[in-house]
Each structure stands twice: as C-alpha cells, then as structure tokens.
Amino acid sequence: MPDTIEAAARAALAEVLPQDLPPESIDPDANLDHLGLTSLNKVLFLTSLCERVQVGLHLFTEHDLAAMRTLGQVVSALSRHAEVS
C-alpha cells in the first residue's frame, strides 16, 4: 500500500505545485514549503490525496498536519491509517 500512496501523493502534489515538475522527480525528503507549496495548496493537496487513497482527513489533528513537512512524512502518516482502514 505505501507504494500506491506514494504514487498518489506524488501525482497530487505535482498538480498543486507552482512549477511544472513530473511526479517522479519530486524528492520525498524535500521540504514542501521549499517546493513552493502554500498553505492553501497544502490543504488542497492533502484533501485530494486523502480522497484518492480513501483515508479520512478527519483522522489527522492540526499537529499531525503541521508535522507533515515532506512528501515522505505525508506518505508515512497516510500509510499508518490506510493499513487499519
């Protein structure tokens, strides 16, 4: 499941980034802010991703969301919930 979540995360992130990056070129350890992701686009990205992988956004606290600073952290957080869904 994490591979599926990572592919979905890369695709969803690429859709909201201000620059045109192919999903496969996004470094999972890159800081989302450094990629140019605004707060609004982070919300759009996470909402879209949660819908794609069928993990409820309501499962995450504000602290959880703030701690998701990289693509890898997002994938890891969603993977924990996808495994129990």
C-alpha atoms as a PDB file:
ATOM      1  CA  MET A   1       0.000   0.000   0.000  1.00  0.00           C
ATOM      2  CA  PRO A   2       2.766   2.586   0.718  1.00  0.00           C
ATOM      3  CA  ASP A   3       3.912   2.417  -2.941  1.00  0.00           C
ATOM      4  CA  THR A   4       0.372   3.186  -4.064  1.00  0.00           C
ATOM      5  CA  ILE A   5       0.121   6.010  -1.547  1.00  0.00           C
ATOM      6  CA  GLU A   6       3.481   7.410  -2.636  1.00  0.00           C
ATOM      7  CA  ALA A   7       2.471   7.374  -6.309  1.00  0.00           C
ATOM      8  CA  ALA A   8      -0.834   9.047  -5.457  1.00  0.00           C
ATOM      9  CA  ALA A   9       0.959  11.594  -3.255  1.00  0.00           C
ATOM     10  CA  ARG A  10       3.450  12.459  -5.972  1.00  0.00           C
ATOM     11  CA  ALA A  11       0.652  12.940  -8.509  1.00  0.00           C
ATOM     12  CA  ALA A  12      -1.498  15.036  -6.161  1.00  0.00           C
ATOM     13  CA  LEU A  13       1.471  17.189  -5.151  1.00  0.00           C
ATOM     14  CA  ALA A  14       2.571  17.779  -8.735  1.00  0.00           C
ATOM     15  CA  GLU A  15      -0.920  19.092  -9.502  1.00  0.00           C
ATOM     16  CA  VAL A  16      -0.711  21.892  -6.922  1.00  0.00           C
ATOM     17  CA  LEU A  17       2.934  22.961  -7.179  1.00  0.00           C
ATOM     18  CA  PRO A  18       3.570  26.319  -8.833  1.00  0.00           C
ATOM     19  CA  GLN A  19       6.312  24.864 -11.054  1.00  0.00           C
ATOM     20  CA  ASP A  20       5.781  22.096 -13.565  1.00  0.00           C
ATOM     21  CA  LEU A  21       7.505  19.053 -12.057  1.00  0.00           C
ATOM     22  CA  PRO A  22       6.950  15.475 -13.146  1.00  0.00           C
ATOM     23  CA  PRO A  23       5.670  13.495 -10.157  1.00  0.00           C
ATOM     24  CA  GLU A  24       8.561  11.019 -10.289  1.00  0.00           C
ATOM     25  CA  SER A  25      11.127  13.829  -9.967  1.00  0.00           C
ATOM     26  CA  ILE A  26       9.822  15.078  -6.612  1.00  0.00           C
ATOM     27  CA  ASP A  27      12.298  14.282  -3.835  1.00  0.00           C
ATOM     28  CA  PRO A  28      10.374  12.646  -0.957  1.00  0.00           C
ATOM     29  CA  ASP A  29      12.678  14.404   1.535  1.00  0.00           C
ATOM     30  CA  ALA A  30      12.258  17.894   0.066  1.00  0.00           C
ATOM     31  CA  ASN A  31      10.523  20.383   2.339  1.00  0.00           C
ATOM     32  CA  LEU A  32       7.068  21.113   0.892  1.00  0.00           C
ATOM     33  CA  ASP A  33       7.475  24.819   1.658  1.00  0.00           C
ATOM     34  CA  HIS A  34      10.728  24.893  -0.294  1.00  0.00           C
ATOM     35  CA  LEU A  35       8.884  23.414  -3.263  1.00  0.00           C
ATOM     36  CA  GLY A  36       6.628  26.475  -3.182  1.00  0.00           C
ATOM     37  CA  LEU A  37       3.597  24.825  -1.614  1.00  0.00           C
ATOM     38  CA  THR A  38       1.373  27.458   0.007  1.00  0.00           C
ATOM     39  CA  SER A  39      -0.853  26.734   2.998  1.00  0.00           C
ATOM     40  CA  LEU A  40      -3.918  26.693   0.759  1.00  0.00           C
ATOM     41  CA  ASN A  41      -2.259  24.361  -1.729  1.00  0.00           C
ATOM     42  CA  LYS A  42      -1.192  22.075   1.119  1.00  0.00           C
ATOM     43  CA  VAL A  43      -4.833  21.768   2.151  1.00  0.00           C
ATOM     44  CA  LEU A  44      -5.851  21.075  -1.463  1.00  0.00           C
ATOM     45  CA  PHE A  45      -3.040  18.527  -1.825  1.00  0.00           C
ATOM     46  CA  LEU A  46      -3.922  16.670   1.385  1.00  0.00           C
ATOM     47  CA  THR A  47      -7.650  16.721   0.676  1.00  0.00           C
ATOM     48  CA  SER A  48      -7.134  15.345  -2.822  1.00  0.00           C
ATOM     49  CA  LEU A  49      -4.663  12.724  -1.619  1.00  0.00           C
ATOM     50  CA  CYS A  50      -6.902  11.524   1.214  1.00  0.00           C
ATOM     51  CA  GLU A  51      -9.759  11.102  -1.267  1.00  0.00           C
ATOM     52  CA  ARG A  52      -7.529   9.180  -3.686  1.00  0.00           C
ATOM     53  CA  VAL A  53      -6.277   6.707  -1.098  1.00  0.00           C
ATOM     54  CA  GLN A  54      -9.514   6.630   0.902  1.00  0.00           C
ATOM     55  CA  VAL A  55      -8.078   7.810   4.202  1.00  0.00           C
ATOM     56  CA  GLY A  56     -10.232  10.292   6.077  1.00  0.00           C
ATOM     57  CA  LEU A  57      -8.652  13.693   6.594  1.00  0.00           C
ATOM     58  CA  HIS A  58     -10.536  13.806   9.903  1.00  0.00           C
ATOM     59  CA  LEU A  59      -8.087  11.207  11.257  1.00  0.00           C
ATOM     60  CA  PHE A  60      -5.371  13.865  11.490  1.00  0.00           C
ATOM     61  CA  THR A  61      -5.060  16.544  14.134  1.00  0.00           C
ATOM     62  CA  GLU A  62      -3.810  20.034  13.403  1.00  0.00           C
ATOM     63  CA  HIS A  63      -0.495  18.956  14.945  1.00  0.00           C
ATOM     64  CA  ASP A  64      -0.329  15.916  12.632  1.00  0.00           C
ATOM     65  CA  LEU A  65      -0.884  18.122   9.598  1.00  0.00           C
ATOM     66  CA  ALA A  66       1.717  20.660  10.694  1.00  0.00           C
ATOM     67  CA  ALA A  67       4.245  17.848  11.157  1.00  0.00           C
ATOM     68  CA  MET A  68       3.835  16.766   7.525  1.00  0.00           C
ATOM     69  CA  ARG A  69       6.691  18.818   6.111  1.00  0.00           C
ATOM     70  CA  THR A  70       7.897  16.458   3.391  1.00  0.00           C
ATOM     71  CA  LEU A  71       6.274  14.141   0.879  1.00  0.00           C
ATOM     72  CA  GLY A  72       7.817  11.205   2.738  1.00  0.00           C
ATOM     73  CA  GLN A  73       6.215  12.312   6.009  1.00  0.00           C
ATOM     74  CA  VAL A  74       2.823  12.637   4.299  1.00  0.00           C
ATOM     75  CA  VAL A  75       3.141   9.153   2.803  1.00  0.00           C
ATOM     76  CA  SER A  76       4.203   7.694   6.153  1.00  0.00           C
ATOM     77  CA  ALA A  77       1.295   9.323   8.022  1.00  0.00           C
ATOM     78  CA  LEU A  78      -1.303   8.203   5.491  1.00  0.00           C
ATOM     79  CA  SER A  79       0.170   4.701   5.295  1.00  0.00           C
ATOM     80  CA  ARG A  80      -0.389   4.161   9.018  1.00  0.00           C
ATOM     81  CA  HIS A  81      -4.089   4.939   8.622  1.00  0.00           C
ATOM     82  CA  ALA A  82      -4.512   3.069   5.329  1.00  0.00           C
ATOM     83  CA  GLU A  83      -3.261  -0.130   6.920  1.00  0.00           C
ATOM     84  CA  VAL A  84      -6.016  -0.082   9.529  1.00  0.00           C
ATOM     85  CA  SER A  85      -8.802   1.139   7.226  1.00  0.00           C
END
